[in-house]
Amino acid sequence: MGWFTTTPKQDAEPDLRQDRKKCWEARDAYFACLDAAGVVKAGSEGVVCATPLTVYEQNCAKSWISYFNQRRVLAEQQKNVLATTNTQAAAANRK
């Protein structure tokens, strides 16, 4: 047992995998609540999704929460842009 002795963690990967799975499940439940409440921007729902939000914050790293929340808003904006583009393309094809 010296300074440069390390013991490889055999079980590190399954723990990390389970942690990620818990985070994703908590995120999905929180986002489902936001969808049901008609809220796009996470954090602006008030107390409607307080329980799923607490679970989400307990199971995910702050950097992941920030990323997922920003990605949710961007995905909604992208969906709106794609819908507008498809409408314009359909109108252009009719002419």
Protein backbone atom coordinates (compact mmCIF):
# COMPACT_ATOMS: atom_id res chain seq x y z
CA MET A 1 0.00 0.00 0.00
CA GLY A 2 1.96 2.94 -1.30
CA TRP A 3 1.36 6.33 -2.72
CA PHE A 4 0.98 5.12 -6.28
CA THR A 5 -1.09 2.06 -5.55
CA THR A 6 -4.58 2.21 -6.93
CA THR A 7 -7.36 -0.25 -6.69
CA PRO A 8 -9.44 -0.38 -9.83
CA LYS A 9 -13.13 0.09 -9.24
CA GLN A 10 -14.82 -2.88 -10.78
CA ASP A 11 -18.33 -1.67 -10.04
CA ALA A 12 -17.97 2.00 -11.09
CA GLU A 13 -19.59 1.62 -14.50
CA PRO A 14 -22.86 0.02 -13.35
CA ASP A 15 -23.28 2.75 -10.70
CA LEU A 16 -22.76 5.45 -13.30
CA ARG A 17 -25.17 3.76 -15.68
CA GLN A 18 -27.82 3.53 -12.97
CA ASP A 19 -27.26 7.18 -12.01
CA ARG A 20 -27.74 8.28 -15.61
CA LYS A 21 -30.88 6.15 -15.90
CA LYS A 22 -32.34 7.69 -12.72
CA CYS A 23 -31.56 11.17 -14.03
CA TRP A 24 -33.18 10.51 -17.41
CA GLU A 25 -36.27 8.98 -15.80
CA ALA A 26 -36.61 11.96 -13.45
CA ARG A 27 -36.12 14.37 -16.38
CA ASP A 28 -38.74 12.57 -18.46
CA ALA A 29 -41.26 12.64 -15.60
CA TYR A 30 -40.63 16.35 -14.98
CA PHE A 31 -40.87 17.22 -18.67
CA ALA A 32 -44.09 15.17 -18.97
CA CYS A 33 -45.52 17.26 -16.14
CA LEU A 34 -44.42 20.45 -17.94
CA ASP A 35 -46.04 19.20 -21.15
CA ALA A 36 -49.28 18.45 -19.30
CA ALA A 37 -49.21 21.97 -17.81
CA GLY A 38 -48.45 23.51 -21.22
CA VAL A 39 -45.13 24.96 -20.06
CA VAL A 40 -42.10 25.10 -22.36
CA LYS A 41 -39.49 26.85 -20.21
CA ALA A 42 -38.61 24.79 -17.15
CA GLY A 43 -38.77 26.76 -13.93
CA SER A 44 -41.67 28.95 -15.01
CA GLU A 45 -44.39 26.48 -14.01
CA GLY A 46 -44.79 27.65 -10.41
CA VAL A 47 -45.81 24.90 -8.00
CA VAL A 48 -47.57 22.74 -10.58
CA CYS A 49 -44.64 20.31 -11.02
CA ALA A 50 -42.95 20.74 -7.64
CA THR A 51 -42.64 17.03 -6.83
CA PRO A 52 -41.18 15.93 -10.19
CA LEU A 53 -38.86 18.96 -10.10
CA THR A 54 -37.51 17.95 -6.69
CA VAL A 55 -36.82 14.40 -7.90
CA TYR A 56 -35.20 15.79 -11.07
CA GLU A 57 -32.91 18.08 -9.08
CA GLN A 58 -31.96 15.28 -6.67
CA ASN A 59 -31.05 12.80 -9.41
CA CYS A 60 -29.28 15.01 -11.96
CA ALA A 61 -26.16 17.15 -11.87
CA LYS A 62 -26.75 20.89 -12.09
CA SER A 63 -24.87 21.05 -15.40
CA TRP A 64 -27.14 18.34 -16.83
CA ILE A 65 -30.25 20.13 -15.60
CA SER A 66 -29.12 23.35 -17.24
CA TYR A 67 -28.35 21.53 -20.50
CA PHE A 68 -31.64 19.60 -20.57
CA ASN A 69 -33.69 22.71 -19.79
CA GLN A 70 -31.98 24.76 -22.50
CA ARG A 71 -32.31 21.90 -24.97
CA ARG A 72 -36.05 21.68 -24.24
CA VAL A 73 -36.57 25.34 -25.17
CA LEU A 74 -34.41 25.00 -28.30
CA ALA A 75 -36.29 21.88 -29.40
CA GLU A 76 -39.61 23.72 -29.08
CA GLN A 77 -38.28 26.66 -31.10
CA GLN A 78 -36.96 24.26 -33.73
CA LYS A 79 -40.33 22.52 -33.91
CA ASN A 80 -42.03 25.86 -34.57
CA VAL A 81 -39.50 26.81 -37.26
CA LEU A 82 -39.92 23.44 -38.98
CA ALA A 83 -43.71 23.75 -38.91
CA THR A 84 -43.51 27.22 -40.47
CA THR A 85 -41.06 26.00 -43.11
CA ASN A 86 -43.27 23.04 -44.00
CA THR A 87 -46.30 25.33 -44.30
CA GLN A 88 -44.40 27.69 -46.59
CA ALA A 89 -43.09 24.81 -48.69
CA ALA A 90 -46.59 23.37 -49.07
CA ALA A 91 -47.92 26.79 -50.10
CA ALA A 92 -45.10 27.22 -52.63
CA ASN A 93 -45.83 23.80 -54.16
CA ARG A 94 -49.49 24.69 -54.70
CA LYS A 95 -48.63 27.64 -56.92
